[in-house]
Amino acid sequence: MAPTIAAPITNSSEITDFIISKGNGVKGLSEMGLKSLPKEYIQPLEERMSMSQIMPQESIPIIDMSSWEDDPNVAESICNAAVKWGFFQITNHGVPIEVLESVKEATHRFFGLPAEEKRKFLKENSPSNNVRFGTSFTPEAEKALEWKDYLSLFYVSEDEASALWPPVCRDQVLEYMKSSEAVIKRLLEALMKRLNVKEIDEMKESVLMGSKRINLNYYPTCPNPELTVGVGRHSDVSTLTILLQDDIGGLYVKGDNDRWIHVPPVSGSLVINVGDALQIMSNGRYKSIEHRVVANGSKNRISVPIFVNPRPCDMIGPFPEVLEGGEEAAYKQVLYSDYVKHFFSKAHDGKNTVEFAKI
């Protein structure tokens, strides 16, 4: 007997109910075999990406970290990339390939769960604010939705994660976070040295990497990828973001003249980008850069970013060491949780969030 195909969903409230309240997400829409994109996902023209906006020859730096201990050029390359690009890829970073592969498999496992299982982690059902299954970015503030589902996990402690994170992916995600700690510290040490911060004491460590959030992102196959986005233009609010891509590709970084550069998947690599918090702490020497994700017409894509952040209760502003030579502060001191609230109160809008901290 042929499987019955659900009647197409046409009105907005049915779509909201289906993707959000019932926990089907965009993945559920994609699997209905839609022939055309629901109007809720059609982005305004200026937010869509055309081939003419892509810089085909450019690429962000790829830095081999295998000789980190003996070669000062590695740290130099990291700092130069953070100044010029705000984005770079690292290889031979010390996170085992099998850890990366198992967190990718765990991501597919979580999104492969039945809707009623994923629904347990929706905002209104979740056992904790720190565990959230959702779709798009901030649906209630967006004029057009993004073609993406996600599971967002805020790390408080191993005990809380063991108790509350979905068992289907918990161990693999924790292992990935643990394995990436050493490379995160190395990257931050190199970046701080360039800012005349000689050592990362407890206070600096807290403000640079006092909290972490990890997202499992799922971008299902899309019927009209050219009309929508996987993620709209934005910069991250983190200190650093450590991103694991699969082999599909779709991440674009803003280059010169409002053109976009594809960040191709490199086997075993991690993509690193500067977030707004580090731009503020470095008084603008390191730049957070706008990036976006395009939708894909033929494949499901996943990505797993770790957001390395200040703690919500930390004040962030330019480090005193950066201003020692008499440089004027370009940013005021802001409470990090206020900064993050501002970011999540609106749709993705390029780099506008950083204006919140400008003097």
Protein backbone atom coordinates (compact mmCIF):
# COMPACT_ATOMS: atom_id res chain seq x y z
CA MET A 1 0.00 0.00 0.00
CA ALA A 2 1.36 3.43 -0.92
CA PRO A 3 2.08 5.73 2.04
CA THR A 4 -0.51 8.44 2.53
CA ILE A 5 0.81 11.92 1.88
CA ALA A 6 -0.36 14.62 4.25
CA ALA A 7 -2.38 17.40 2.68
CA PRO A 8 -0.20 20.42 1.99
CA ILE A 9 -0.12 22.99 4.76
CA THR A 10 -1.15 26.34 3.44
CA ASN A 11 -1.94 28.87 6.10
CA SER A 12 0.50 30.49 8.53
CA SER A 13 -1.03 29.27 11.75
CA GLU A 14 -1.00 25.64 10.47
CA ILE A 15 2.66 26.01 9.53
CA THR A 16 3.57 27.48 12.92
CA ASP A 17 1.64 24.74 14.68
CA PHE A 18 3.24 22.00 12.58
CA ILE A 19 6.86 23.16 12.73
CA ILE A 20 6.96 24.71 16.19
CA SER A 21 4.17 23.46 18.50
CA LYS A 22 4.13 19.89 17.17
CA GLY A 23 7.94 19.71 17.05
CA ASN A 24 8.23 18.67 13.40
CA GLY A 25 10.59 21.52 12.59
CA VAL A 26 11.54 22.44 9.05
CA LYS A 27 12.76 18.87 8.67
CA GLY A 28 9.11 17.74 8.88
CA LEU A 29 8.12 20.24 6.18
CA SER A 30 10.99 19.14 3.96
CA GLU A 31 9.98 15.49 4.30
CA MET A 32 6.41 16.22 3.12
CA GLY A 33 7.86 16.54 -0.38
CA LEU A 34 6.85 20.17 -0.86
CA LYS A 35 7.10 21.35 -4.45
CA SER A 36 7.44 24.99 -3.50
CA LEU A 37 8.62 26.99 -0.52
CA PRO A 38 5.92 28.17 1.94
CA LYS A 39 5.63 31.96 1.79
CA GLU A 40 6.71 32.29 5.45
CA TYR A 41 10.23 31.31 4.34
CA ILE A 42 10.52 33.61 1.32
CA GLN A 43 13.18 36.16 2.19
CA PRO A 44 13.10 39.74 0.89
CA LEU A 45 15.21 40.17 -2.25
CA GLU A 46 18.04 41.95 -0.46
CA GLU A 47 18.55 38.97 1.89
CA ARG A 48 18.85 36.37 -0.86
CA MET A 49 22.18 35.40 -2.30
CA SER A 50 22.89 35.59 -6.01
CA MET A 51 25.88 34.11 -7.82
CA SER A 52 27.07 37.62 -8.72
CA GLN A 53 27.71 38.31 -5.02
CA ILE A 54 30.17 35.42 -4.63
CA MET A 55 33.96 35.93 -4.82
CA PRO A 56 35.07 32.71 -6.52
CA GLN A 57 38.85 33.00 -6.12
CA GLU A 58 39.04 34.13 -2.49
CA SER A 59 39.39 31.84 0.50
CA ILE A 60 39.90 32.30 4.23
CA PRO A 61 43.27 31.09 5.63
CA ILE A 62 43.77 27.42 6.47
CA ILE A 63 46.28 27.10 9.32
CA ASP A 64 48.08 23.83 10.12
CA MET A 65 48.55 23.65 13.89
CA SER A 66 50.76 20.55 13.97
CA SER A 67 53.96 22.53 14.64
CA TRP A 68 52.33 24.87 17.17
CA GLU A 69 54.93 24.17 19.92
CA ASP A 70 58.05 24.94 17.85
CA ASP A 71 56.92 27.37 15.19
CA PRO A 72 56.03 30.95 16.22
CA ASN A 73 54.62 31.49 12.73
CA VAL A 74 51.54 29.46 13.68
CA ALA A 75 50.50 31.93 16.41
CA GLU A 76 51.41 34.78 14.06
CA SER A 77 49.13 33.36 11.33
CA ILE A 78 46.25 32.99 13.79
CA CYS A 79 46.49 36.62 14.91
CA ASN A 80 46.88 37.91 11.35
CA ALA A 81 43.81 35.94 10.26
CA ALA A 82 41.79 37.30 13.20
CA VAL A 83 42.79 40.87 12.26
CA LYS A 84 42.30 40.63 8.50
CA TRP A 85 39.53 38.07 8.10
CA GLY A 86 37.90 37.36 11.47
CA PHE A 87 37.63 33.78 10.13
CA PHE A 88 40.09 30.93 9.51
CA GLN A 89 40.20 27.13 9.39
CA ILE A 90 42.55 24.99 11.46
CA THR A 91 43.86 21.50 10.71
CA ASN A 92 45.89 19.12 12.92
CA HIS A 93 44.32 20.82 15.93
CA GLY A 94 44.44 17.86 18.30
CA VAL A 95 40.70 17.06 18.41
CA PRO A 96 40.55 13.39 17.32
CA ILE A 97 38.81 12.77 13.97
CA GLU A 98 36.70 10.01 15.55
CA VAL A 99 35.33 12.54 18.10
CA LEU A 100 34.35 14.86 15.24
CA GLU A 101 32.73 12.01 13.31
CA SER A 102 30.80 10.74 16.31
CA VAL A 103 29.33 14.18 17.12
CA LYS A 104 28.18 14.48 13.49
CA GLU A 105 26.51 11.06 13.72
CA ALA A 106 24.92 12.06 17.05
CA THR A 107 23.51 15.21 15.42
CA HIS A 108 21.84 13.12 12.70
CA ARG A 109 20.54 10.77 15.42
CA PHE A 110 18.93 13.60 17.39
CA PHE A 111 17.19 15.08 14.33
CA GLY A 112 16.14 11.58 13.27
CA LEU A 113 14.07 11.19 16.46
CA PRO A 114 10.27 11.21 16.13
CA ALA A 115 8.70 14.68 16.55
CA GLU A 116 7.16 13.72 19.91
CA GLU A 117 10.67 13.00 21.29
CA LYS A 118 12.14 16.29 20.04
CA ARG A 119 9.06 18.15 21.27
CA LYS A 120 10.11 17.37 24.86
CA PHE A 121 12.90 19.94 24.41
CA LEU A 122 10.78 22.80 23.05
CA LYS A 123 10.98 26.00 25.11
CA GLU A 124 7.66 25.37 26.88
CA ASN A 125 8.37 21.67 27.62
CA SER A 126 12.12 21.56 28.20
CA PRO A 127 13.34 20.48 31.64
CA SER A 128 15.71 23.48 31.61
CA ASN A 129 16.26 26.83 29.91
CA ASN A 130 19.71 25.48 29.06
CA VAL A 131 18.32 22.82 26.69
CA ARG A 132 16.29 24.07 23.76
CA PHE A 133 15.02 22.52 20.52
CA GLY A 134 13.83 25.13 18.07
CA THR A 135 13.61 26.29 14.50
CA SER A 136 14.72 29.38 12.54
CA PHE A 137 16.35 32.03 14.81
CA THR A 138 13.80 34.17 16.67
CA PRO A 139 10.53 33.24 14.88
CA GLU A 140 8.42 35.76 16.80
CA ALA A 141 10.66 38.66 15.66
CA GLU A 142 11.30 37.56 12.07
CA LYS A 143 9.48 38.76 8.97
CA ALA A 144 10.71 35.68 7.08
CA LEU A 145 11.78 32.42 8.70
CA GLU A 146 15.16 30.69 8.24
CA TRP A 147 15.29 27.15 6.87
CA LYS A 148 16.96 25.52 9.88
CA ASP A 149 16.25 23.45 13.01
CA TYR A 150 18.58 23.38 16.00
CA LEU A 151 19.22 21.92 19.42
CA SER A 152 20.94 24.45 21.68
CA LEU A 153 22.77 23.24 24.80
CA PHE A 154 24.17 25.68 27.35
CA TYR A 155 26.90 23.96 29.38
CA VAL A 156 26.67 24.49 33.13
CA SER A 157 28.25 21.30 34.48
CA GLU A 158 28.80 17.71 33.52
CA ASP A 159 26.19 16.65 36.11
CA GLU A 160 23.51 18.92 34.66
CA ALA A 161 24.34 17.82 31.11
CA SER A 162 24.17 14.14 32.13
CA ALA A 163 20.77 14.69 33.73
CA LEU A 164 19.11 16.96 31.15
CA TRP A 165 20.72 16.72 27.71
CA PRO A 166 19.08 14.29 25.22
CA PRO A 167 20.68 10.86 25.80
CA VAL A 168 20.83 10.20 22.04
CA CYS A 169 23.62 12.78 21.59
CA ARG A 170 24.76 13.78 25.11
CA ASP A 171 27.96 11.72 25.47
CA GLN A 172 29.29 12.57 22.02
CA VAL A 173 28.64 16.30 22.49
CA LEU A 174 30.33 16.31 25.91
CA GLU A 175 33.33 14.46 24.49
CA TYR A 176 33.61 16.98 21.63
CA MET A 177 33.48 19.90 24.08
CA LYS A 178 36.13 18.33 26.32
CA SER A 179 38.41 17.47 23.40
CA SER A 180 38.27 21.00 22.03
CA GLU A 181 39.23 22.72 25.29
CA ALA A 182 43.00 22.59 24.73
CA VAL A 183 42.84 24.11 21.24
CA ILE A 184 40.47 26.88 22.44
CA LYS A 185 42.97 27.82 25.18
CA ARG A 186 45.84 27.83 22.68
CA LEU A 187 43.97 30.07 20.26
CA LEU A 188 43.06 32.51 23.04
CA GLU A 189 46.63 32.57 24.41
CA ALA A 190 47.98 33.50 20.97
CA LEU A 191 45.31 36.16 20.41
CA MET A 192 45.85 37.68 23.89
CA LYS A 193 49.65 37.94 23.45
CA ARG A 194 49.09 40.16 20.40
CA LEU A 195 46.97 42.43 22.65
CA ASN A 196 49.76 42.72 25.29
CA VAL A 197 47.79 40.53 27.68
CA LYS A 198 50.73 38.59 29.11
CA GLU A 199 48.80 35.93 30.99
CA ILE A 200 45.24 34.74 31.16
CA ASP A 201 44.51 34.91 34.89
CA GLU A 202 41.28 33.64 36.46
CA MET A 203 39.40 36.87 35.81
CA LYS A 204 40.48 37.00 32.16
CA GLU A 205 39.69 33.31 31.71
CA SER A 206 36.18 33.89 33.01
CA VAL A 207 35.49 36.81 30.70
CA LEU A 208 37.04 35.08 27.66
CA MET A 209 35.66 31.57 28.11
CA GLY A 210 33.59 31.44 31.29
CA SER A 211 30.61 29.86 29.57
CA LYS A 212 29.98 27.67 26.54
CA ARG A 213 27.01 26.88 24.37
CA ILE A 214 26.92 24.21 21.69
CA ASN A 215 24.35 24.02 18.92
CA LEU A 216 23.48 21.07 16.73
CA ASN A 217 22.16 22.62 13.49
CA TYR A 218 20.13 20.80 10.83
CA TYR A 219 19.47 22.33 7.41
CA PRO A 220 17.04 20.07 5.52
CA THR A 221 16.76 19.86 1.73
CA CYS A 222 14.83 22.89 0.51
CA PRO A 223 12.40 23.10 -2.46
CA ASN A 224 13.44 26.65 -3.54
CA PRO A 225 16.81 27.28 -1.91
CA GLU A 226 17.39 30.49 -3.88
CA LEU A 227 14.38 32.15 -2.19
CA THR A 228 15.39 31.60 1.43
CA VAL A 229 18.37 31.30 3.79
CA GLY A 230 19.67 28.61 6.13
CA VAL A 231 20.91 31.38 8.44
CA GLY A 232 20.64 35.10 7.74
CA ARG A 233 23.51 37.60 7.82
CA HIS A 234 24.91 37.98 11.34
CA SER A 235 28.05 38.04 13.44
CA ASP A 236 28.29 35.84 16.54
CA VAL A 237 28.04 37.27 20.07
CA SER A 238 30.77 34.91 21.31
CA THR A 239 34.44 35.43 22.12
CA LEU A 240 35.30 32.69 19.62
CA THR A 241 33.16 30.19 17.71
CA ILE A 242 34.57 26.75 16.88
CA LEU A 243 32.54 25.26 14.02
CA LEU A 244 32.46 21.70 12.76
CA GLN A 245 31.03 21.46 9.23
CA ASP A 246 29.98 18.33 7.39
CA ASP A 247 31.10 17.78 3.78
CA ILE A 248 28.12 19.54 2.13
CA GLY A 249 29.19 23.19 2.38
CA GLY A 250 27.04 26.30 2.44
CA LEU A 251 28.76 28.69 4.87
CA TYR A 252 29.65 32.11 3.43
CA VAL A 253 31.73 34.88 4.99
CA LYS A 254 31.49 38.53 4.04
CA GLY A 255 34.50 39.81 2.10
CA ASP A 256 35.23 43.15 0.48
CA ASN A 257 32.65 45.15 -1.49
CA ASP A 258 29.71 43.32 0.08
CA ARG A 259 30.67 40.11 -1.69
CA TRP A 260 30.68 36.67 -0.12
CA ILE A 261 33.35 33.98 0.19
CA HIS A 262 32.47 30.30 0.50
CA VAL A 263 34.14 28.40 3.36
CA PRO A 264 34.68 25.00 1.74
CA PRO A 265 34.53 21.92 3.96
CA VAL A 266 38.08 20.65 4.62
CA SER A 267 38.17 17.13 5.98
CA GLY A 268 39.10 17.05 9.69
CA SER A 269 39.27 20.84 10.00
CA LEU A 270 37.50 23.25 12.36
CA VAL A 271 36.36 26.71 11.30
CA ILE A 272 37.21 29.43 13.83
CA ASN A 273 35.67 32.86 13.93
CA VAL A 274 36.00 35.95 16.10
CA GLY A 275 32.78 36.94 17.88
CA ASP A 276 31.50 40.37 18.92
CA ALA A 277 32.72 39.90 22.52
CA LEU A 278 36.34 39.56 21.33
CA GLN A 279 35.93 42.51 18.96
CA ILE A 280 34.81 44.60 21.96
CA MET A 281 37.56 43.29 24.30
CA SER A 282 40.24 43.93 21.66
CA ASN A 283 38.83 47.44 21.03
CA GLY A 284 38.19 46.50 17.42
CA ARG A 285 41.61 45.03 16.56
CA TYR A 286 40.04 41.63 16.01
CA LYS A 287 36.85 41.80 13.98
CA SER A 288 33.73 39.68 14.13
CA ILE A 289 32.59 39.18 10.54
CA GLU A 290 29.15 38.76 9.04
CA HIS A 291 28.43 35.28 7.79
CA ARG A 292 25.42 33.37 6.51
CA VAL A 293 24.35 29.90 5.43
CA VAL A 294 22.58 29.17 2.16
CA ALA A 295 19.82 26.58 1.84
CA ASN A 296 20.50 23.45 -0.24
CA GLY A 297 18.17 22.02 -2.87
CA SER A 298 19.45 18.46 -2.90
CA LYS A 299 21.07 17.52 0.44
CA ASN A 300 20.52 17.74 4.20
CA ARG A 301 23.37 19.59 5.91
CA ILE A 302 24.46 19.72 9.56
CA SER A 303 26.92 21.85 11.48
CA VAL A 304 28.03 21.92 15.12
CA PRO A 305 29.29 25.24 16.52
CA ILE A 306 30.73 25.66 20.02
CA PHE A 307 30.24 29.24 21.19
CA VAL A 308 32.94 30.21 23.68
CA ASN A 309 31.51 33.12 25.68
CA PRO A 310 31.95 35.36 28.70
CA ARG A 311 29.68 34.39 31.60
CA PRO A 312 26.26 36.10 31.53
CA CYS A 313 27.20 38.07 34.69
CA ASP A 314 30.50 39.40 33.25
CA MET A 315 31.01 43.00 32.19
CA ILE A 316 32.73 43.21 28.81
CA GLY A 317 34.66 46.16 27.43
CA PRO A 318 38.13 46.88 25.98
CA PHE A 319 40.92 45.30 28.04
CA PRO A 320 43.06 47.89 29.89
CA GLU A 321 46.20 46.40 28.26
CA VAL A 322 44.84 47.33 24.81
CA LEU A 323 44.36 50.95 25.87
CA GLU A 324 47.76 51.31 27.59
CA GLY A 325 49.32 53.32 24.76
CA GLY A 326 46.65 56.00 25.08
CA GLU A 327 44.25 54.43 22.56
CA GLU A 328 40.66 55.68 23.03
CA ALA A 329 38.07 53.08 24.02
CA ALA A 330 35.60 52.54 21.16
CA TYR A 331 33.22 50.47 23.31
CA LYS A 332 31.64 50.96 26.71
CA GLN A 333 31.46 48.36 29.46
CA VAL A 334 28.30 46.28 28.98
CA LEU A 335 26.80 43.41 30.93
CA TYR A 336 27.21 40.37 28.70
CA SER A 337 23.69 39.03 29.41
CA ASP A 338 22.24 42.39 28.26
CA TYR A 339 24.25 42.19 25.06
CA VAL A 340 22.98 38.65 24.34
CA LYS A 341 19.36 39.58 25.14
CA HIS A 342 19.61 42.43 22.62
CA PHE A 343 20.92 40.00 19.96
CA PHE A 344 18.07 37.53 20.49
CA SER A 345 15.35 40.20 20.65
CA LYS A 346 15.45 40.80 16.88
CA ALA A 347 15.90 39.02 13.57
CA HIS A 348 19.41 38.53 12.18
CA ASP A 349 20.55 41.92 10.92
CA GLY A 350 24.20 41.75 9.93
CA LYS A 351 26.52 43.40 12.43
CA ASN A 352 24.04 45.77 14.05
CA THR A 353 24.25 44.17 17.48
CA VAL A 354 27.76 45.53 18.08
CA GLU A 355 26.38 49.09 17.86
CA PHE A 356 24.76 48.35 21.24
CA ALA A 357 28.23 48.50 22.88
CA LYS A 358 29.68 51.43 20.91
CA ILE A 359 30.53 54.63 22.77
